[in-house]
Protein backbone atom coordinates (compact mmCIF):
# COMPACT_ATOMS: atom_id res chain seq x y z
CA MET A 1 4.45 -5.11 -6.85
CA LEU A 2 5.33 -3.64 -9.34
CA LEU A 3 8.15 -1.50 -7.38
CA GLY A 4 9.88 -4.68 -6.36
CA LEU A 5 10.01 -6.25 -9.65
CA LEU A 6 11.34 -3.18 -11.57
CA VAL A 7 14.57 -3.40 -8.90
CA ALA A 8 14.31 -6.57 -8.15
CA PRO A 9 13.33 -8.97 -10.78
CA GLY A 10 13.32 -12.88 -10.76
CA TRP A 11 11.19 -15.69 -9.31
CA ALA A 12 11.24 -14.95 -5.85
CA ALA A 13 9.57 -11.45 -6.87
CA LEU A 14 6.86 -13.14 -9.24
CA GLY A 15 6.19 -15.99 -6.13
CA LEU A 16 5.88 -12.64 -3.39
CA GLY A 17 3.66 -10.74 -6.08
CA ILE A 18 1.48 -14.08 -6.42
CA ALA A 19 1.41 -14.09 -2.63
CA ALA A 20 0.63 -10.53 -1.87
CA VAL A 21 -2.39 -10.27 -4.75
CA ALA A 22 -4.14 -13.74 -3.60
CA ALA A 23 -3.62 -12.19 0.46
CA PHE A 24 -5.14 -9.13 -0.59
CA LEU A 25 -8.38 -11.09 -2.57
CA ALA A 26 -8.69 -12.68 0.27
CA ARG A 27 -9.36 -10.12 2.82
CA HIS A 28 -12.88 -9.49 1.28
CA PRO A 29 -14.27 -13.10 1.95
CA LEU A 30 -12.29 -12.82 5.28
CA ARG A 31 -14.31 -9.84 6.19
CA LEU A 32 -17.53 -11.58 5.73
CA TRP A 33 -16.89 -14.47 7.60
CA LEU A 34 -15.26 -12.35 10.45
CA THR A 35 -18.28 -10.28 10.45
CA ASP A 36 -20.72 -12.44 10.52
CA ARG A 37 -18.80 -14.95 13.60
CA ARG A 38 -18.71 -11.52 15.35
CA ARG A 39 -22.96 -11.19 14.92
CA GLY A 40 -23.16 -14.46 15.85
CA ALA A 41 -25.46 -15.13 12.74
CA ARG A 42 -25.17 -17.65 10.17
CA TYR A 43 -25.69 -17.27 6.40
CA PRO A 44 -25.19 -18.54 2.92
CA ARG A 45 -22.86 -16.62 2.50
CA THR A 46 -20.43 -17.20 5.53
CA GLY A 47 -19.51 -20.83 4.98
CA LEU A 48 -18.97 -20.11 0.95
CA ALA A 49 -17.20 -16.85 2.12
CA ALA A 50 -15.08 -18.97 4.55
CA ARG A 51 -13.99 -20.95 1.81
CA ILE A 52 -12.92 -18.53 -1.17
CA GLY A 53 -11.04 -16.77 1.93
CA LEU A 54 -9.08 -20.18 2.50
CA GLY A 55 -8.81 -21.07 -1.35
CA PHE A 56 -6.86 -17.09 -1.95
CA ALA A 57 -4.62 -18.14 1.29
CA ALA A 58 -3.70 -21.57 0.19
CA VAL A 59 -2.19 -19.63 -3.25
CA SER A 60 -0.71 -16.96 -1.36
CA ALA A 61 0.98 -19.62 0.27
CA ALA A 62 1.96 -21.56 -3.03
CA GLY A 63 3.52 -18.01 -3.89
CA LEU A 64 5.06 -18.00 -0.46
CA ALA A 65 7.03 -21.19 -1.19
CA LEU A 66 8.00 -19.89 -4.18
CA ALA A 67 9.38 -16.97 -2.85
CA VAL A 68 11.41 -19.55 -0.17
CA GLY A 69 12.75 -21.15 -2.80
CA SER A 70 14.16 -19.19 -5.19
CA ALA A 71 15.02 -15.96 -2.67
CA SER A 72 19.03 -15.17 -2.48
CA ALA A 73 18.39 -14.07 1.00
CA PRO A 74 16.00 -13.87 4.07
CA PHE A 75 12.95 -11.49 3.17
CA TRP A 76 10.35 -12.47 6.67
CA TRP A 77 10.66 -9.12 8.39
CA PRO A 78 8.91 -6.95 6.02
CA LEU A 79 6.05 -9.01 6.12
CA ALA A 80 6.14 -10.11 9.58
CA LEU A 81 5.65 -6.34 10.24
CA GLY A 82 3.25 -5.90 7.79
CA ALA A 83 1.01 -8.55 8.87
CA LEU A 84 0.51 -7.08 12.06
CA LEU A 85 -0.79 -4.00 9.81
CA ALA A 86 -3.12 -6.12 7.66
CA LEU A 87 -4.27 -7.73 10.90
CA LEU A 88 -5.31 -4.90 12.60
CA GLN A 89 -6.89 -3.44 9.29
CA LEU A 90 -8.74 -6.95 9.19
CA ARG A 91 -9.78 -6.20 13.10
CA TYR A 92 -11.89 -2.99 12.07
CA ASP A 93 -13.20 -4.29 9.01
CA ALA A 94 -15.15 -7.04 11.50
CA ARG A 95 -16.46 -4.27 12.89
CA LEU A 96 -17.29 -2.23 10.12
CA ARG A 97 -15.24 0.56 10.41
CA GLY A 98 -12.82 -0.21 7.72
CA ARG A 99 -13.30 3.45 6.34
CA HIS A 100 -11.31 4.74 8.77
CA ILE A 101 -8.64 6.37 8.48
CA VAL A 102 -6.66 4.24 10.71
CA PRO A 103 -7.35 0.67 8.72
CA GLU A 104 -6.70 2.50 5.49
CA VAL A 105 -3.43 3.39 6.65
CA SER A 106 -2.58 0.16 7.91
CA GLY A 107 -3.78 -1.32 5.18
CA ALA A 108 -1.15 0.12 2.72
CA VAL A 109 1.62 0.20 4.52
CA ALA A 110 0.57 -3.32 5.08
CA MET A 111 0.59 -3.79 1.19
CA ALA A 112 4.17 -1.67 0.70
CA SER A 113 5.62 -4.17 2.87
CA VAL A 114 6.09 -6.42 -0.20
CA ALA A 115 7.98 -3.82 -2.06
CA ALA A 116 10.49 -4.34 0.33
CA ALA A 117 10.36 -8.30 0.80
CA ILE A 118 10.99 -8.79 -2.94
CA ALA A 119 14.06 -6.21 -2.22
CA LEU A 120 15.66 -8.24 0.27
CA ALA A 121 14.41 -11.74 -1.42
CA GLY A 122 15.88 -10.36 -5.09
CA GLY A 123 19.38 -10.21 -3.27
CA ARG A 124 19.20 -5.94 -2.54
CA PRO A 125 20.54 -4.61 0.95
CA VAL A 126 18.83 -3.99 3.80
CA SER A 127 18.53 0.02 3.51
CA VAL A 128 17.21 -0.36 -0.25
CA ALA A 129 13.81 -2.35 1.05
CA ALA A 130 13.21 0.18 4.06
CA GLY A 131 13.95 2.85 1.48
CA LEU A 132 11.25 0.98 -0.86
CA TRP A 133 9.02 0.78 2.13
CA LEU A 134 9.23 3.95 3.25
CA VAL A 135 8.64 5.33 -0.30
CA LEU A 136 5.36 3.90 -0.67
CA ALA A 137 4.29 4.47 2.93
CA MET A 138 4.55 7.89 2.83
CA ARG A 139 3.05 8.13 -0.78
CA ALA A 140 0.02 5.62 0.84
CA VAL A 141 -0.29 8.47 3.80
CA ALA A 142 -0.55 11.68 1.39
CA ALA A 143 -2.92 9.85 -1.32
CA LEU A 144 -5.11 8.49 1.41
CA PHE A 145 -5.55 12.11 3.15
CA TYR A 146 -5.70 13.31 -0.14
CA ALA A 147 -8.51 11.38 -1.61
CA ARG A 148 -10.52 11.24 1.25
CA THR A 149 -10.84 15.05 1.41
CA GLN A 150 -11.78 15.04 -2.04
CA VAL A 151 -14.30 12.66 -2.05
CA MET A 152 -16.02 14.27 0.82
CA ARG A 153 -16.04 17.66 -1.40
CA ALA A 154 -17.69 15.43 -3.70
CA ARG A 155 -20.14 14.82 -1.79
CA GLY A 156 -21.11 18.25 -0.43
CA VAL A 157 -19.79 17.48 2.97
CA ALA A 158 -17.80 20.39 3.96
CA ALA A 159 -13.98 19.44 4.15
CA SER A 160 -11.18 21.62 4.83
CA PRO A 161 -8.06 20.77 2.53
CA ALA A 162 -5.85 21.66 5.57
CA GLY A 163 -5.30 17.87 6.79
CA ALA A 164 -4.61 16.87 2.94
CA TYR A 165 -1.74 19.55 3.17
CA VAL A 166 -0.56 18.98 6.45
CA ALA A 167 0.24 15.00 5.85
CA GLU A 168 1.33 15.97 2.09
CA GLY A 169 3.97 17.86 4.10
CA ALA A 170 4.72 15.66 6.66
CA ALA A 171 5.23 12.93 4.46
CA LEU A 172 7.38 15.25 1.94
CA VAL A 173 9.72 15.96 4.59
CA VAL A 174 10.04 12.40 5.60
CA LEU A 175 11.23 11.74 2.25
CA VAL A 176 13.28 14.67 1.51
CA ALA A 177 15.45 13.67 4.85
CA SER A 178 15.19 9.45 3.70
CA ALA A 179 16.47 10.60 0.54
CA ALA A 180 19.71 12.74 2.56
CA TRP A 181 20.48 10.59 4.85
CA GLY A 182 20.57 8.33 1.77
CA LEU A 183 17.93 5.52 2.13
CA SER A 184 15.87 6.83 -0.71
CA PRO A 185 16.00 7.72 -3.97
CA TRP A 186 15.60 12.38 -4.32
CA LEU A 187 13.30 11.29 -7.44
CA SER A 188 10.92 9.83 -4.62
CA ALA A 189 10.37 13.11 -2.51
CA LEU A 190 10.06 15.00 -6.73
CA GLY A 191 7.11 12.37 -7.34
CA LEU A 192 5.95 13.93 -4.14
CA GLY A 193 6.59 17.05 -4.41
CA LEU A 194 4.49 16.75 -7.55
CA LEU A 195 1.44 15.24 -5.84
CA GLY A 196 1.36 17.97 -3.62
CA LEU A 197 1.38 20.94 -5.95
CA TYR A 198 -1.40 18.56 -8.00
CA SER A 199 -3.60 18.63 -4.81
CA THR A 200 -3.40 22.35 -4.13
CA TYR A 201 -4.51 23.02 -8.22
CA THR A 202 -7.58 20.68 -7.67
CA PHE A 203 -8.28 21.77 -4.53
CA ALA A 204 -8.50 25.06 -5.88
CA ARG A 205 -11.01 24.19 -8.27
CA PRO A 206 -14.74 22.35 -7.58
CA PRO A 207 -14.84 18.91 -6.51
CA LEU A 208 -13.39 15.54 -9.10
CA PRO A 209 -16.00 13.00 -9.28
CA ALA A 210 -15.07 10.06 -7.06
CA ARG A 211 -14.02 7.76 -9.87
CA LEU A 212 -11.43 10.95 -11.50
CA VAL A 213 -9.87 10.86 -7.69
CA GLY A 214 -9.22 7.41 -8.41
CA TRP A 215 -7.77 7.38 -11.47
CA GLY A 216 -5.61 10.38 -10.49
CA GLN A 217 -3.88 8.71 -7.40
CA MET A 218 -3.57 4.96 -9.69
CA VAL A 219 -1.33 7.69 -12.45
CA PHE A 220 0.49 9.14 -9.01
CA GLY A 221 1.37 5.84 -7.79
CA LEU A 222 2.60 4.45 -11.23
CA LEU A 223 4.79 7.93 -11.55
CA MET A 224 6.13 7.30 -8.12
CA VAL A 225 6.91 3.62 -8.72
CA LEU A 226 8.49 4.29 -11.85
CA LEU A 227 10.40 7.48 -10.35
CA THR A 228 11.69 5.48 -7.51
CA ALA A 229 13.02 2.49 -9.67
CA VAL A 230 14.92 4.90 -11.71
CA GLY A 231 15.99 6.54 -8.61
CA VAL A 232 17.28 2.69 -7.21
CA ARG A 233 18.85 1.86 -10.08
CA VAL A 234 21.24 5.37 -11.28
CA GLY A 235 21.24 6.27 -7.71
CA LEU A 236 19.74 9.36 -7.76
C-alpha cells in the first residue's frame, strides 16, 4: 500500500489501499469459517466469523468501487493474479497448514499485487507496475526464509541458514537482472543486498527473539519501500 501511494498517489490509490486492508482483515474470520465447514462442525464462533468476514469483504468492495470510479487506467490484472495466490493461501489455512512456506510466500506475493494495481490505476506504465510487484515479491521471499530460520533458531531447533542464503541470493540476482533491464530501480537491489548483509551478521550471532526478528523485518520492509519509491521517481 505504502509503496503504491508513494509512487502513484490519488483517490484510486486510497480506494485500493482500503480494499487491500479489508481483504487482509477478512482472512482470519474466513479461515475459521472454512475450517469449521471442512470439519462439518458448527460452533458459536462459526456464524460470527462468517458475518465478520463478509463485513470486511463489503468494505473491500467499497474500496474497489472508489478505485474504479477514480482510476486513470485499468488495474485488474495484478489483482486477478493476486487473488489466485490468496485463494491458494486460504486453502492451506482451511487445512491448518498456513505456516507452510508455500502459503506464506503466496500470501505475501498476493498482497504485493496491490502496489502494481495502484501504479496502474494512477496512470503509471505496465513496466513500472510489474517492477513494483517484482521488488516486493523478491523482498517477501528473502524475508520469509530469513525469518523462518531465525525463529527456528530461537526455539532451539537446529536450522542451517543455507536455505535463507540461497533465497536471498536468488532474489538479489532477480532484482539485479530486473534493474539491468530497466524494470525495477537499482536502489531496490541495494536494499535487498543490505538485507543479505544483515542476515550474515545476525546468523553469526546468538538467535534473536521472534519479536526482534519481526521488528527488524518491518524496518527492512520500510527501507525497501522508500528506496524503491525514490528509485522510481529519480530513475535510479
